[in-house]
PDB file of N, CA and C in Angstrom:
ATOM      1  N   UNK A   1      88.138 114.752  97.634  1.00  0.00           N
ATOM      2  CA  UNK A   1      86.907 115.501  97.515  1.00  0.00           C
ATOM      3  C   UNK A   1      86.819 116.062  96.118  1.00  0.00           C
ATOM      4  N   UNK A   2      85.650 116.070  95.579  1.00  0.00           N
ATOM      5  CA  UNK A   2      85.380 116.645  94.277  1.00  0.00           C
ATOM      6  C   UNK A   2      85.622 118.153  94.338  1.00  0.00           C
ATOM      7  N   UNK A   3      86.398 118.663  93.386  1.00  0.00           N
ATOM      8  CA  UNK A   3      86.704 120.091  93.410  1.00  0.00           C
ATOM      9  C   UNK A   3      85.469 120.943  93.148  1.00  0.00           C
ATOM     10  N   UNK A   4      84.354 120.324  92.783  1.00  0.00           N
ATOM     11  CA  UNK A   4      83.112 121.069  92.578  1.00  0.00           C
ATOM     12  C   UNK A   4      82.455 121.432  93.903  1.00  0.00           C
ATOM     13  N   UNK A   5      83.032 121.041  95.010  1.00  0.00           N
ATOM     14  CA  UNK A   5      82.431 121.288  96.318  1.00  0.00           C
ATOM     15  C   UNK A   5      83.284 122.203  97.201  1.00  0.00           C
ATOM     16  N   UNK A   6      83.759 123.327  96.695  1.00  0.00           N
ATOM     17  CA  UNK A   6      84.586 124.180  97.558  1.00  0.00           C
ATOM     18  C   UNK A   6      83.809 124.763  98.731  1.00  0.00           C
ATOM     19  N   UNK A   7      82.499 124.917  98.574  1.00  0.00           N
ATOM     20  CA  UNK A   7      81.704 125.436  99.694  1.00  0.00           C
ATOM     21  C   UNK A   7      81.732 124.451 100.855  1.00  0.00           C
ATOM     22  N   UNK A   8      81.645 123.166 100.557  1.00  0.00           N
ATOM     23  CA  UNK A   8      81.698 122.168 101.630  1.00  0.00           C
ATOM     24  C   UNK A   8      83.070 122.143 102.279  1.00  0.00           C
ATOM     25  N   UNK A   9      84.114 122.265 101.482  1.00  0.00           N
ATOM     26  CA  UNK A   9      85.462 122.326 102.035  1.00  0.00           C
ATOM     27  C   UNK A   9      85.563 123.476 103.027  1.00  0.00           C
ATOM     28  N   UNK A  10      85.059 124.630 102.646  1.00  0.00           N
ATOM     29  CA  UNK A  10      85.072 125.783 103.540  1.00  0.00           C
ATOM     30  C   UNK A  10      84.246 125.553 104.790  1.00  0.00           C
ATOM     31  N   UNK A  11      83.112 124.910 104.632  1.00  0.00           N
ATOM     32  CA  UNK A  11      82.256 124.626 105.784  1.00  0.00           C
ATOM     33  C   UNK A  11      82.957 123.703 106.776  1.00  0.00           C
ATOM     34  N   UNK A  12      83.598 122.656 106.279  1.00  0.00           N
ATOM     35  CA  UNK A  12      84.309 121.724 107.175  1.00  0.00           C
ATOM     36  C   UNK A  12      85.405 122.456 107.942  1.00  0.00           C
ATOM     37  N   UNK A  13      86.163 123.298 107.236  1.00  0.00           N
ATOM     38  CA  UNK A  13      87.234 124.033 107.901  1.00  0.00           C
ATOM     39  C   UNK A  13      86.677 125.037 108.904  1.00  0.00           C
ATOM     40  N   UNK A  14      85.534 125.638 108.597  1.00  0.00           N
ATOM     41  CA  UNK A  14      84.902 126.571 109.532  1.00  0.00           C
ATOM     42  C   UNK A  14      84.442 125.849 110.795  1.00  0.00           C
ATOM     43  N   UNK A  15      83.834 124.689 110.645  1.00  0.00           N
ATOM     44  CA  UNK A  15      83.379 123.926 111.814  1.00  0.00           C
ATOM     45  C   UNK A  15      84.585 123.492 112.654  1.00  0.00           C
ATOM     46  N   UNK A  16      85.663 123.097 111.986  1.00  0.00           N
ATOM     47  CA  UNK A  16      86.880 122.722 112.722  1.00  0.00           C
ATOM     48  C   UNK A  16      87.410 123.916 113.511  1.00  0.00           C
ATOM     49  N   UNK A  17      87.356 125.109 112.921  1.00  0.00           N
ATOM     50  CA  UNK A  17      87.810 126.310 113.621  1.00  0.00           C
ATOM     51  C   UNK A  17      86.909 126.609 114.829  1.00  0.00           C
ATOM     52  N   UNK A  18      85.622 126.420 114.661  1.00  0.00           N
ATOM     53  CA  UNK A  18      84.688 126.628 115.782  1.00  0.00           C
ATOM     54  C   UNK A  18      84.976 125.633 116.897  1.00  0.00           C
ATOM     55  N   UNK A  19      85.256 124.396 116.525  1.00  0.00           N
ATOM     56  CA  UNK A  19      85.594 123.389 117.544  1.00  0.00           C
ATOM     57  C   UNK A  19      86.840 123.803 118.316  1.00  0.00           C
ATOM     58  N   UNK A  20      87.865 124.289 117.602  1.00  0.00           N
ATOM     59  CA  UNK A  20      89.084 124.751 118.281  1.00  0.00           C
ATOM     60  C   UNK A  20      88.766 125.895 119.240  1.00  0.00           C
ATOM     61  N   UNK A  21      87.915 126.823 118.801  1.00  0.00           N
ATOM     62  CA  UNK A  21      87.548 127.954 119.643  1.00  0.00           C
ATOM     63  C   UNK A  21      86.806 127.500 120.900  1.00  0.00           C
ATOM     64  N   UNK A  22      85.926 126.525 120.760  1.00  0.00           N
ATOM     65  CA  UNK A  22      85.201 125.999 121.923  1.00  0.00           C
ATOM     66  C   UNK A  22      86.170 125.438 122.957  1.00  0.00           C
ATOM     67  N   UNK A  23      87.230 124.783 122.479  1.00  0.00           N
ATOM     68  CA  UNK A  23      88.235 124.244 123.396  1.00  0.00           C
ATOM     69  C   UNK A  23      89.056 125.386 124.004  1.00  0.00           C
ATOM     70  N   UNK A  24      89.459 126.343 123.175  1.00  0.00           N
ATOM     71  CA  UNK A  24      90.256 127.465 123.679  1.00  0.00           C
ATOM     72  C   UNK A  24      89.497 128.246 124.750  1.00  0.00           C
ATOM     73  N   UNK A  25      88.199 128.377 124.594  1.00  0.00           N
ATOM     74  CA  UNK A  25      87.382 129.100 125.571  1.00  0.00           C
ATOM     75  C   UNK A  25      86.969 128.211 126.744  1.00  0.00           C
ATOM     76  N   UNK A  26      87.454 126.973 126.713  1.00  0.00           N
ATOM     77  CA  UNK A  26      87.207 125.987 127.769  1.00  0.00           C
ATOM     78  C   UNK A  26      85.729 125.680 127.943  1.00  0.00           C
ATOM     79  N   UNK A  27      84.982 125.720 126.836  1.00  0.00           N
ATOM     80  CA  UNK A  27      83.577 125.327 126.875  1.00  0.00           C
ATOM     81  C   UNK A  27      83.424 123.825 126.642  1.00  0.00           C
ATOM     82  N   UNK A  28      84.342 123.263 125.885  1.00  0.00           N
ATOM     83  CA  UNK A  28      84.400 121.824 125.634  1.00  0.00           C
ATOM     84  C   UNK A  28      85.857 121.398 125.632  1.00  0.00           C
ATOM     85  N   UNK A  29      86.072 120.103 125.780  1.00  0.00           N
ATOM     86  CA  UNK A  29      87.423 119.562 125.644  1.00  0.00           C
ATOM     87  C   UNK A  29      87.535 118.855 124.296  1.00  0.00           C
ATOM     88  N   UNK A  30      88.779 118.591 123.890  1.00  0.00           N
ATOM     89  CA  UNK A  30      88.972 117.816 122.664  1.00  0.00           C
ATOM     90  C   UNK A  30      88.302 116.455 122.780  1.00  0.00           C
ATOM     91  N   UNK A  31      88.380 115.862 123.957  1.00  0.00           N
ATOM     92  CA  UNK A  31      87.767 114.550 124.169  1.00  0.00           C
ATOM     93  C   UNK A  31      86.250 114.617 124.017  1.00  0.00           C
ATOM     94  N   UNK A  32      85.625 115.644 124.546  1.00  0.00           N
ATOM     95  CA  UNK A  32      84.168 115.783 124.413  1.00  0.00           C
ATOM     96  C   UNK A  32      83.762 115.958 122.949  1.00  0.00           C
ATOM     97  N   UNK A  33      84.528 116.741 122.220  1.00  0.00           N
ATOM     98  CA  UNK A  33      84.243 116.910 120.798  1.00  0.00           C
ATOM     99  C   UNK A  33      84.419 115.585 120.070  1.00  0.00           C
ATOM    100  N   UNK A  34      85.510 114.886 120.362  1.00  0.00           N
ATOM    101  CA  UNK A  34      85.773 113.587 119.738  1.00  0.00           C
ATOM    102  C   UNK A  34      84.640 112.603 120.023  1.00  0.00           C
ATOM    103  N   UNK A  35      84.211 112.522 121.275  1.00  0.00           N
ATOM    104  CA  UNK A  35      83.134 111.601 121.649  1.00  0.00           C
ATOM    105  C   UNK A  35      81.839 111.929 120.907  1.00  0.00           C
ATOM    106  N   UNK A  36      81.519 113.209 120.826  1.00  0.00           N
ATOM    107  CA  UNK A  36      80.295 113.628 120.137  1.00  0.00           C
ATOM    108  C   UNK A  36      80.357 113.292 118.653  1.00  0.00           C
ATOM    109  N   UNK A  37      81.502 113.547 118.041  1.00  0.00           N
ATOM    110  CA  UNK A  37      81.651 113.222 116.619  1.00  0.00           C
ATOM    111  C   UNK A  37      81.608 111.710 116.395  1.00  0.00           C
ATOM    112  N   UNK A  38      82.215 110.948 117.273  1.00  0.00           N
ATOM    113  CA  UNK A  38      82.171 109.476 117.155  1.00  0.00           C
ATOM    114  C   UNK A  38      80.732 108.965 117.277  1.00  0.00           C
ATOM    115  N   UNK A  39      79.956 109.568 118.173  1.00  0.00           N
ATOM    116  CA  UNK A  39      78.549 109.179 118.310  1.00  0.00           C
ATOM    117  C   UNK A  39      77.789 109.457 117.017  1.00  0.00           C
ATOM    118  N   UNK A  40      78.050 110.611 116.417  1.00  0.00           N
ATOM    119  CA  UNK A  40      77.398 110.943 115.146  1.00  0.00           C
ATOM    120  C   UNK A  40      77.809 109.958 114.055  1.00  0.00           C
ATOM    121  N   UNK A  41      79.089 109.626 114.013  1.00  0.00           N
ATOM    122  CA  UNK A  41      79.584 108.662 113.022  1.00  0.00           C
ATOM    123  C   UNK A  41      78.923 107.298 113.218  1.00  0.00           C
ATOM    124  N   UNK A  42      78.809 106.875 114.463  1.00  0.00           N
ATOM    125  CA  UNK A  42      78.181 105.587 114.766  1.00  0.00           C
ATOM    126  C   UNK A  42      76.735 105.561 114.297  1.00  0.00           C
ATOM    127  N   UNK A  43      76.014 106.644 114.533  1.00  0.00           N
ATOM    128  CA  UNK A  43      74.618 106.711 114.084  1.00  0.00           C
ATOM    129  C   UNK A  43      74.517 106.608 112.560  1.00  0.00           C
ATOM    130  N   UNK A  44      75.383 107.295 111.872  1.00  0.00           N
ATOM    131  CA  UNK A  44      75.371 107.269 110.405  1.00  0.00           C
ATOM    132  C   UNK A  44      75.657 105.863 109.891  1.00  0.00           C
ATOM    133  N   UNK A  45      76.665 105.236 110.440  1.00  0.00           N
ATOM    134  CA  UNK A  45      77.093 103.926 109.931  1.00  0.00           C
ATOM    135  C   UNK A  45      76.228 102.782 110.443  1.00  0.00           C
ATOM    136  N   UNK A  46      75.472 102.997 111.513  1.00  0.00           N
ATOM    137  CA  UNK A  46      74.641 101.938 112.080  1.00  0.00           C
ATOM    138  C   UNK A  46      73.417 101.640 111.235  1.00  0.00           C
ATOM    139  N   UNK A  47      72.928 102.610 110.514  1.00  0.00           N
ATOM    140  CA  UNK A  47      71.738 102.412 109.696  1.00  0.00           C
ATOM    141  C   UNK A  47      72.126 101.725 108.394  1.00  0.00           C
ATOM    142  N   UNK A  48      72.175 100.430 108.412  1.00  0.00           N
ATOM    143  CA  UNK A  48      72.595  99.655 107.247  1.00  0.00           C
ATOM    144  C   UNK A  48      71.415  99.019 106.520  1.00  0.00           C
ATOM    145  N   UNK A  49      70.248  99.593 106.648  1.00  0.00           N
ATOM    146  CA  UNK A  49      69.052  99.095 105.985  1.00  0.00           C
ATOM    147  C   UNK A  49      69.220  99.203 104.472  1.00  0.00           C
ATOM    148  N   UNK A  50      69.271  98.063 103.765  1.00  0.00           N
ATOM    149  CA  UNK A  50      69.481  98.121 102.321  1.00  0.00           C
ATOM    150  C   UNK A  50      68.346  98.825 101.570  1.00  0.00           C
ATOM    151  N   UNK A  51      67.183  98.927 102.189  1.00  0.00           N
ATOM    152  CA  UNK A  51      66.071  99.641 101.579  1.00  0.00           C
ATOM    153  C   UNK A  51      66.276 101.152 101.664  1.00  0.00           C
ATOM    154  N   UNK A  52      67.139 101.562 102.545  1.00  0.00           N
ATOM    155  CA  UNK A  52      67.361 102.981 102.800  1.00  0.00           C
ATOM    156  C   UNK A  52      68.321 103.556 101.748  1.00  0.00           C
ATOM    157  N   UNK A  53      69.603 103.494 102.010  1.00  0.00           N
ATOM    158  CA  UNK A  53      70.615 104.007 101.088  1.00  0.00           C
ATOM    159  C   UNK A  53      71.797 103.042 101.058  1.00  0.00           C
ATOM    160  N   UNK A  54      72.659 103.234 100.096  1.00  0.00           N
ATOM    161  CA  UNK A  54      73.799 102.331  99.907  1.00  0.00           C
ATOM    162  C   UNK A  54      74.866 102.543 100.977  1.00  0.00           C
ATOM    163  N   UNK A  55      75.742 101.563 101.087  1.00  0.00           N
ATOM    164  CA  UNK A  55      76.885 101.679 102.003  1.00  0.00           C
ATOM    165  C   UNK A  55      77.776 102.846 101.592  1.00  0.00           C
ATOM    166  N   UNK A  56      77.893 103.066 100.293  1.00  0.00           N
ATOM    167  CA  UNK A  56      78.693 104.193  99.808  1.00  0.00           C
ATOM    168  C   UNK A  56      78.101 105.518 100.282  1.00  0.00           C
ATOM    169  N   UNK A  57      76.780 105.590 100.321  1.00  0.00           N
ATOM    170  CA  UNK A  57      76.126 106.803 100.810  1.00  0.00           C
ATOM    171  C   UNK A  57      76.462 107.025 102.288  1.00  0.00           C
ATOM    172  N   UNK A  58      76.402 105.965 103.076  1.00  0.00           N
ATOM    173  CA  UNK A  58      76.739 106.071 104.504  1.00  0.00           C
ATOM    174  C   UNK A  58      78.170 106.572 104.674  1.00  0.00           C
ATOM    175  N   UNK A  59      79.094 106.010 103.885  1.00  0.00           N
ATOM    176  CA  UNK A  59      80.490 106.432 103.971  1.00  0.00           C
ATOM    177  C   UNK A  59      80.645 107.895 103.582  1.00  0.00           C
ATOM    178  N   UNK A  60      79.897 108.321 102.572  1.00  0.00           N
ATOM    179  CA  UNK A  60      79.964 109.720 102.149  1.00  0.00           C
ATOM    180  C   UNK A  60      79.449 110.647 103.240  1.00  0.00           C
ATOM    181  N   UNK A  61      78.392 110.251 103.926  1.00  0.00           N
ATOM    182  CA  UNK A  61      77.844 111.067 105.012  1.00  0.00           C
ATOM    183  C   UNK A  61      78.820 111.088 106.190  1.00  0.00           C
ATOM    184  N   UNK A  62      79.520 109.990 106.424  1.00  0.00           N
ATOM    185  CA  UNK A  62      80.470 109.902 107.533  1.00  0.00           C
ATOM    186  C   UNK A  62      81.756 110.684 107.255  1.00  0.00           C
ATOM    187  N   UNK A  63      82.051 110.963 105.983  1.00  0.00           N
ATOM    188  CA  UNK A  63      83.305 111.639 105.625  1.00  0.00           C
ATOM    189  C   UNK A  63      83.537 112.936 106.394  1.00  0.00           C
ATOM    190  N   UNK A  64      82.599 113.888 106.401  1.00  0.00           N
ATOM    191  CA  UNK A  64      82.892 115.140 107.124  1.00  0.00           C
ATOM    192  C   UNK A  64      83.051 114.933 108.623  1.00  0.00           C
ATOM    193  N   UNK A  65      82.364 113.948 109.172  1.00  0.00           N
ATOM    194  CA  UNK A  65      82.505 113.659 110.601  1.00  0.00           C
ATOM    195  C   UNK A  65      83.920 113.179 110.879  1.00  0.00           C
ATOM    196  N   UNK A  66      84.394 112.257 110.054  1.00  0.00           N
ATOM    197  CA  UNK A  66      85.758 111.739 110.233  1.00  0.00           C
ATOM    198  C   UNK A  66      86.795 112.834 110.016  1.00  0.00           C
ATOM    199  N   UNK A  67      86.536 113.696 109.052  1.00  0.00           N
ATOM    200  CA  UNK A  67      87.444 114.810 108.788  1.00  0.00           C
ATOM    201  C   UNK A  67      87.525 115.721 110.007  1.00  0.00           C
ATOM    202  N   UNK A  68      86.393 116.000 110.641  1.00  0.00           N
ATOM    203  CA  UNK A  68      86.383 116.848 111.833  1.00  0.00           C
ATOM    204  C   UNK A  68      87.058 116.165 113.014  1.00  0.00           C
ATOM    205  N   UNK A  69      86.953 114.861 113.101  1.00  0.00           N
ATOM    206  CA  UNK A  69      87.668 114.122 114.155  1.00  0.00           C
ATOM    207  C   UNK A  69      89.170 114.294 113.966  1.00  0.00           C
ATOM    208  N   UNK A  70      89.629 114.162 112.720  1.00  0.00           N
ATOM    209  CA  UNK A  70      91.056 114.330 112.438  1.00  0.00           C
ATOM    210  C   UNK A  70      91.511 115.763 112.716  1.00  0.00           C
ATOM    211  N   UNK A  71      90.692 116.745 112.359  1.00  0.00           N
ATOM    212  CA  UNK A  71      91.035 118.145 112.627  1.00  0.00           C
ATOM    213  C   UNK A  71      91.107 118.384 114.134  1.00  0.00           C
ATOM    214  N   UNK A  72      90.187 117.791 114.887  1.00  0.00           N
ATOM    215  CA  UNK A  72      90.191 117.907 116.342  1.00  0.00           C
ATOM    216  C   UNK A  72      91.453 117.277 116.924  1.00  0.00           C
ATOM    217  N   UNK A  73      91.813 116.109 116.421  1.00  0.00           N
ATOM    218  CA  UNK A  73      93.028 115.440 116.899  1.00  0.00           C
ATOM    219  C   UNK A  73      94.265 116.298 116.617  1.00  0.00           C
ATOM    220  N   UNK A  74      94.333 116.888 115.415  1.00  0.00           N
ATOM    221  CA  UNK A  74      95.471 117.749 115.072  1.00  0.00           C
ATOM    222  C   UNK A  74      95.529 118.952 116.012  1.00  0.00           C
ATOM    223  N   UNK A  75      94.372 119.576 116.254  1.00  0.00           N
ATOM    224  CA  UNK A  75      94.327 120.742 117.145  1.00  0.00           C
ATOM    225  C   UNK A  75      94.752 120.369 118.558  1.00  0.00           C
ATOM    226  N   UNK A  76      94.383 119.185 118.984  1.00  0.00           N
ATOM    227  CA  UNK A  76      94.756 118.733 120.327  1.00  0.00           C
ATOM    228  C   UNK A  76      96.272 118.639 120.476  1.00  0.00           C
ATOM    229  N   UNK A  77      96.946 118.347 119.367  1.00  0.00           N
ATOM    230  CA  UNK A  77      98.414 118.233 119.374  1.00  0.00           C
ATOM    231  C   UNK A  77      99.084 119.541 118.945  1.00  0.00           C
ATOM    232  N   UNK A  78      98.301 120.628 118.895  1.00  0.00           N
ATOM    233  CA  UNK A  78      98.858 121.922 118.544  1.00  0.00           C
ATOM    234  C   UNK A  78      99.187 122.076 117.070  1.00  0.00           C
ATOM    235  N   UNK A  79      98.615 121.226 116.240  1.00  0.00           N
ATOM    236  CA  UNK A  79      98.889 121.257 114.807  1.00  0.00           C
ATOM    237  C   UNK A  79      97.685 121.843 114.074  1.00  0.00           C
ATOM    238  N   UNK A  80      97.967 122.412 112.918  1.00  0.00           N
ATOM    239  CA  UNK A  80      96.907 122.876 112.041  1.00  0.00           C
ATOM    240  C   UNK A  80      97.078 122.153 110.716  1.00  0.00           C
ATOM    241  N   UNK A  81      96.092 121.381 110.339  1.00  0.00           N
ATOM    242  CA  UNK A  81      96.151 120.644 109.082  1.00  0.00           C
ATOM    243  C   UNK A  81      95.233 121.317 108.075  1.00  0.00           C
ATOM    244  N   UNK A  82      95.704 121.413 106.825  1.00  0.00           N
ATOM    245  CA  UNK A  82      94.824 121.980 105.808  1.00  0.00           C
ATOM    246  C   UNK A  82      93.897 120.882 105.284  1.00  0.00           C
ATOM    247  N   UNK A  83      92.964 121.277 104.463  1.00  0.00           N
ATOM    248  CA  UNK A  83      91.939 120.356 103.982  1.00  0.00           C
ATOM    249  C   UNK A  83      92.554 119.162 103.255  1.00  0.00           C
ATOM    250  N   UNK A  84      93.534 119.422 102.422  1.00  0.00           N
ATOM    251  CA  UNK A  84      94.169 118.335 101.667  1.00  0.00           C
ATOM    252  C   UNK A  84      94.826 117.318 102.594  1.00  0.00           C
ATOM    253  N   UNK A  85      95.519 117.800 103.617  1.00  0.00           N
ATOM    254  CA  UNK A  85      96.133 116.897 104.598  1.00  0.00           C
ATOM    255  C   UNK A  85      95.076 116.047 105.301  1.00  0.00           C
ATOM    256  N   UNK A  86      93.990 116.691 105.687  1.00  0.00           N
ATOM    257  CA  UNK A  86      92.927 115.974 106.396  1.00  0.00           C
ATOM    258  C   UNK A  86      92.286 114.911 105.512  1.00  0.00           C
ATOM    259  N   UNK A  87      92.022 115.245 104.245  1.00  0.00           N
ATOM    260  CA  UNK A  87      91.395 114.257 103.360  1.00  0.00           C
ATOM    261  C   UNK A  87      92.348 113.099 103.082  1.00  0.00           C
ATOM    262  N   UNK A  88      93.635 113.399 102.977  1.00  0.00           N
ATOM    263  CA  UNK A  88      94.611 112.331 102.754  1.00  0.00           C
ATOM    264  C   UNK A  88      94.642 111.387 103.956  1.00  0.00           C
ATOM    265  N   UNK A  89      94.633 111.970 105.163  1.00  0.00           N
ATOM    266  CA  UNK A  89      94.621 111.154 106.382  1.00  0.00           C
ATOM    267  C   UNK A  89      93.352 110.311 106.464  1.00  0.00           C
ATOM    268  N   UNK A  90      92.222 110.932 106.141  1.00  0.00           N
ATOM    269  CA  UNK A  90      90.944 110.217 106.208  1.00  0.00           C
ATOM    270  C   UNK A  90      90.949 109.057 105.216  1.00  0.00           C
ATOM    271  N   UNK A  91      91.486 109.280 104.034  1.00  0.00           N
ATOM    272  CA  UNK A  91      91.553 108.225 103.033  1.00  0.00           C
ATOM    273  C   UNK A  91      92.407 107.051 103.473  1.00  0.00           C
ATOM    274  N   UNK A  92      93.470 107.328 104.201  1.00  0.00           N
ATOM    275  CA  UNK A  92      94.332 106.251 104.703  1.00  0.00           C
ATOM    276  C   UNK A  92      93.692 105.479 105.829  1.00  0.00           C
ATOM    277  N   UNK A  93      92.784 106.128 106.566  1.00  0.00           N
ATOM    278  CA  UNK A  93      92.193 105.481 107.745  1.00  0.00           C
ATOM    279  C   UNK A  93      90.970 104.622 107.404  1.00  0.00           C
ATOM    280  N   UNK A  94      90.442 104.754 106.170  1.00  0.00           N
ATOM    281  CA  UNK A  94      89.248 103.972 105.834  1.00  0.00           C
ATOM    282  C   UNK A  94      89.566 102.839 104.901  1.00  0.00           C
TER     283      UNK A  94
END
Protein backbone atom coordinates (compact mmCIF):
# COMPACT_ATOMS: atom_id res chain seq x y z
CA UNK A 1 0.00 0.00 0.00
CA UNK A 2 1.16 3.49 -0.76
CA UNK A 3 2.26 5.18 2.46
CA UNK A 4 0.29 8.24 1.31
CA UNK A 5 -2.90 6.42 2.30
CA UNK A 6 -2.69 6.03 6.09
CA UNK A 7 -6.35 7.01 6.41
CA UNK A 8 -7.35 4.01 4.29
CA UNK A 9 -5.10 1.74 6.33
CA UNK A 10 -6.88 2.92 9.46
CA UNK A 11 -10.28 2.47 7.85
CA UNK A 12 -9.52 -1.14 6.84
CA UNK A 13 -8.35 -1.96 10.36
CA UNK A 14 -11.43 -0.28 11.84
CA UNK A 15 -13.78 -2.29 9.63
CA UNK A 16 -11.91 -5.47 10.56
CA UNK A 17 -12.38 -4.59 14.24
CA UNK A 18 -16.10 -4.01 13.68
CA UNK A 19 -16.35 -7.38 11.96
CA UNK A 20 -14.68 -9.05 14.97
CA UNK A 21 -17.11 -7.28 17.30
CA UNK A 22 -20.11 -8.45 15.26
CA UNK A 23 -18.89 -12.03 15.69
CA UNK A 24 -18.13 -11.57 19.40
CA UNK A 25 -21.65 -10.24 19.96
CA UNK A 26 -22.97 -13.22 17.97
CA UNK A 27 -24.71 -10.99 15.44
CA UNK A 28 -22.82 -12.60 12.55
CA UNK A 29 -20.49 -15.54 12.12
CA UNK A 30 -17.06 -15.51 10.51
CA UNK A 31 -18.56 -17.56 7.69
CA UNK A 32 -21.34 -15.02 7.08
CA UNK A 33 -18.81 -12.20 6.95
CA UNK A 34 -16.59 -14.22 4.61
CA UNK A 35 -19.52 -15.02 2.29
CA UNK A 36 -20.61 -11.38 2.17
CA UNK A 37 -17.10 -10.17 1.41
CA UNK A 38 -16.66 -12.85 -1.28
CA UNK A 39 -19.92 -11.70 -2.89
CA UNK A 40 -18.64 -8.13 -2.94
CA UNK A 41 -15.33 -9.28 -4.43
CA UNK A 42 -17.16 -11.27 -7.11
CA UNK A 43 -19.23 -8.23 -8.08
CA UNK A 44 -16.13 -6.06 -8.37
CA UNK A 45 -14.20 -8.56 -10.46
CA UNK A 46 -17.17 -9.61 -12.62
CA UNK A 47 -17.48 -6.25 -14.32
CA UNK A 48 -14.78 -6.72 -16.94
CA UNK A 49 -16.21 -4.26 -19.46
CA UNK A 50 -13.15 -2.75 -21.17
CA UNK A 51 -15.12 0.45 -21.76
CA UNK A 52 -15.54 0.80 -18.01
CA UNK A 53 -12.22 0.60 -16.14
CA UNK A 54 -8.99 -1.36 -16.38
CA UNK A 55 -8.33 -4.75 -14.82
CA UNK A 56 -5.83 -3.02 -12.55
CA UNK A 57 -8.62 -0.78 -11.30
CA UNK A 58 -10.79 -3.82 -10.50
CA UNK A 59 -7.90 -5.39 -8.59
CA UNK A 60 -7.35 -2.16 -6.67
CA UNK A 61 -11.02 -2.01 -5.69
CA UNK A 62 -10.92 -5.69 -4.65
CA UNK A 63 -7.83 -5.14 -2.45
CA UNK A 64 -9.63 -3.92 0.71
CA UNK A 65 -12.22 -6.67 0.35
CA UNK A 66 -9.50 -9.32 0.19
CA UNK A 67 -7.70 -7.68 3.10
CA UNK A 68 -10.87 -7.86 5.20
CA UNK A 69 -11.34 -11.52 4.26
CA UNK A 70 -7.82 -12.24 5.51
CA UNK A 71 -8.45 -10.25 8.72
CA UNK A 72 -11.68 -12.22 9.24
CA UNK A 73 -9.84 -15.50 8.72
CA UNK A 74 -7.15 -14.47 11.23
CA UNK A 75 -9.80 -13.48 13.79
CA UNK A 76 -11.56 -16.80 13.30
CA UNK A 77 -8.32 -18.53 14.33
CA UNK A 78 -7.88 -16.24 17.34
CA UNK A 79 -5.07 -14.30 15.67
CA UNK A 80 -4.62 -10.58 15.23
CA UNK A 81 -2.72 -9.54 12.13
CA UNK A 82 -1.42 -6.03 11.62
CA UNK A 83 -1.86 -4.17 8.36
CA UNK A 84 1.58 -5.09 7.04
CA UNK A 85 0.98 -8.80 7.67
CA UNK A 86 -2.39 -8.63 5.93
CA UNK A 87 -1.02 -6.83 2.87
CA UNK A 88 1.85 -9.31 2.61
CA UNK A 89 -0.62 -12.21 2.74
CA UNK A 90 -2.88 -10.56 0.17
CA UNK A 91 0.08 -10.02 -2.15
CA UNK A 92 1.01 -13.69 -1.96
CA UNK A 93 -2.55 -14.81 -2.69
CA UNK A 94 -2.98 -12.80 -5.91
